[in-house]
């Protein structure tokens, strides 16, 4: 019984950490959305629309998986941890963890 109480407390603390991180990132200038995904692209939390986040999750998780395989092929002792993609309209930053993918979409700074 104590174990399930401890597990529930740990999950609640983790959810609070995720929410605090999303709020902190969201408050940065230019940030349009923050999404936390599972490795296979399922949305855990997002500040974007659910429909957009689902499509984004599927596509970006596939891109990350392919990029991680390329990094492994190039250097077997290395692993992908971060990606940045810049387009004319957006900058997409992807931070990888063993279980999760953090996606931040922002407007590029005008130079």
Protein backbone atom coordinates (compact mmCIF):
# COMPACT_ATOMS: atom_id res chain seq x y z
CA UNK A 1 0.00 0.00 0.00
CA UNK A 2 2.82 2.40 0.87
CA UNK A 3 4.47 1.63 -2.46
CA UNK A 4 1.40 2.68 -4.47
CA UNK A 5 1.17 5.89 -2.42
CA UNK A 6 4.83 6.63 -3.13
CA UNK A 7 4.33 5.87 -6.84
CA UNK A 8 1.33 8.21 -7.03
CA UNK A 9 3.30 10.96 -5.27
CA UNK A 10 6.22 10.48 -7.67
CA UNK A 11 3.92 10.69 -10.71
CA UNK A 12 2.24 13.83 -9.35
CA UNK A 13 5.63 15.46 -8.72
CA UNK A 14 6.75 14.57 -12.25
CA UNK A 15 3.57 16.11 -13.73
CA UNK A 16 4.18 19.30 -11.76
CA UNK A 17 7.77 19.41 -13.08
CA UNK A 18 6.54 18.98 -16.66
CA UNK A 19 3.91 21.72 -16.22
CA UNK A 20 6.46 24.11 -14.68
CA UNK A 21 8.93 23.46 -17.51
CA UNK A 22 6.26 24.03 -20.16
CA UNK A 23 5.14 27.28 -18.51
CA UNK A 24 8.73 28.52 -18.18
CA UNK A 25 9.51 27.76 -21.84
CA UNK A 26 6.19 29.17 -23.03
CA UNK A 27 6.95 32.51 -21.38
CA UNK A 28 10.11 33.01 -23.47
CA UNK A 29 9.94 35.58 -26.25
CA UNK A 30 8.94 34.13 -29.61
CA UNK A 31 7.85 30.71 -28.32
CA UNK A 32 4.68 29.65 -30.11
CA UNK A 33 4.20 26.16 -28.69
CA UNK A 34 5.72 23.58 -26.39
CA UNK A 35 4.90 19.89 -26.71
CA UNK A 36 6.04 16.85 -24.75
CA UNK A 37 5.84 13.59 -26.69
CA UNK A 38 6.62 9.96 -26.05
CA UNK A 39 9.41 8.50 -28.20
CA UNK A 40 6.79 7.08 -30.58
CA UNK A 41 5.15 10.50 -31.04
CA UNK A 42 2.14 10.32 -28.72
CA UNK A 43 1.28 13.69 -27.15
CA UNK A 44 1.66 13.91 -23.38
CA UNK A 45 1.25 17.67 -22.97
CA UNK A 46 0.98 20.52 -25.46
CA UNK A 47 0.23 24.21 -25.69
CA UNK A 48 -0.76 23.84 -29.37
CA UNK A 49 -4.01 22.46 -30.75
CA UNK A 50 -4.43 18.71 -30.22
CA UNK A 51 -4.84 18.07 -33.96
CA UNK A 52 -1.67 19.97 -34.86
CA UNK A 53 0.27 18.33 -32.04
CA UNK A 54 -0.72 14.82 -33.15
CA UNK A 55 0.47 15.41 -36.71
CA UNK A 56 3.60 17.17 -35.46
CA UNK A 57 4.31 14.31 -33.06
CA UNK A 58 4.09 11.63 -35.72
CA UNK A 59 6.27 13.50 -38.20
CA UNK A 60 8.90 14.80 -35.80
CA UNK A 61 9.27 11.52 -33.93
CA UNK A 62 9.95 9.83 -37.28
CA UNK A 63 12.51 12.51 -38.18
CA UNK A 64 14.24 12.14 -34.80
CA UNK A 65 14.29 8.36 -35.08
CA UNK A 66 15.91 8.57 -38.55
CA UNK A 67 18.42 11.20 -37.41
CA UNK A 68 19.33 9.12 -34.34
CA UNK A 69 20.00 6.11 -36.57
CA UNK A 70 22.26 8.21 -38.79
CA UNK A 71 24.22 9.48 -35.79
CA UNK A 72 24.65 5.88 -34.55
CA UNK A 73 25.88 4.78 -37.99
CA UNK A 74 28.37 7.63 -38.15
CA UNK A 75 29.66 7.13 -34.60
CA UNK A 76 28.52 4.01 -32.77
CA UNK A 77 29.44 5.40 -29.35
CA UNK A 78 27.46 8.61 -29.82
CA UNK A 79 23.76 9.43 -29.63
CA UNK A 80 21.50 12.24 -30.74
CA UNK A 81 20.40 14.57 -27.94
CA UNK A 82 19.24 17.79 -29.62
CA UNK A 83 18.13 19.00 -33.05
CA UNK A 84 17.33 22.44 -34.38
CA UNK A 85 15.44 23.02 -37.62
CA UNK A 86 15.03 26.48 -39.03
CA UNK A 87 12.58 27.36 -41.78
CA UNK A 88 11.51 30.73 -43.13
CA UNK A 89 8.59 30.83 -40.69
CA UNK A 90 9.67 28.82 -37.65
CA UNK A 91 12.48 27.40 -35.64
CA UNK A 92 11.81 23.94 -34.21
CA UNK A 93 13.97 22.70 -31.36
CA UNK A 94 13.88 19.05 -30.37
CA UNK A 95 15.37 17.85 -27.09
CA UNK A 96 15.61 14.07 -26.77
CA UNK A 97 15.48 11.95 -23.67
CA UNK A 98 15.46 8.15 -23.42
CA UNK A 99 11.66 8.16 -23.08
CA UNK A 100 10.47 11.59 -24.20
CA UNK A 101 10.80 14.23 -26.89
CA UNK A 102 10.42 17.93 -26.09
CA UNK A 103 9.37 20.08 -29.07
CA UNK A 104 9.60 23.86 -28.95
CA UNK A 105 8.35 25.90 -31.89
CA UNK A 106 9.27 29.56 -32.01
CA UNK A 107 9.37 32.46 -34.41
CA UNK A 108 12.92 33.13 -35.57
CA UNK A 109 14.39 36.36 -34.27
CA UNK A 110 14.51 39.16 -36.80
CA UNK A 111 18.12 40.12 -37.40
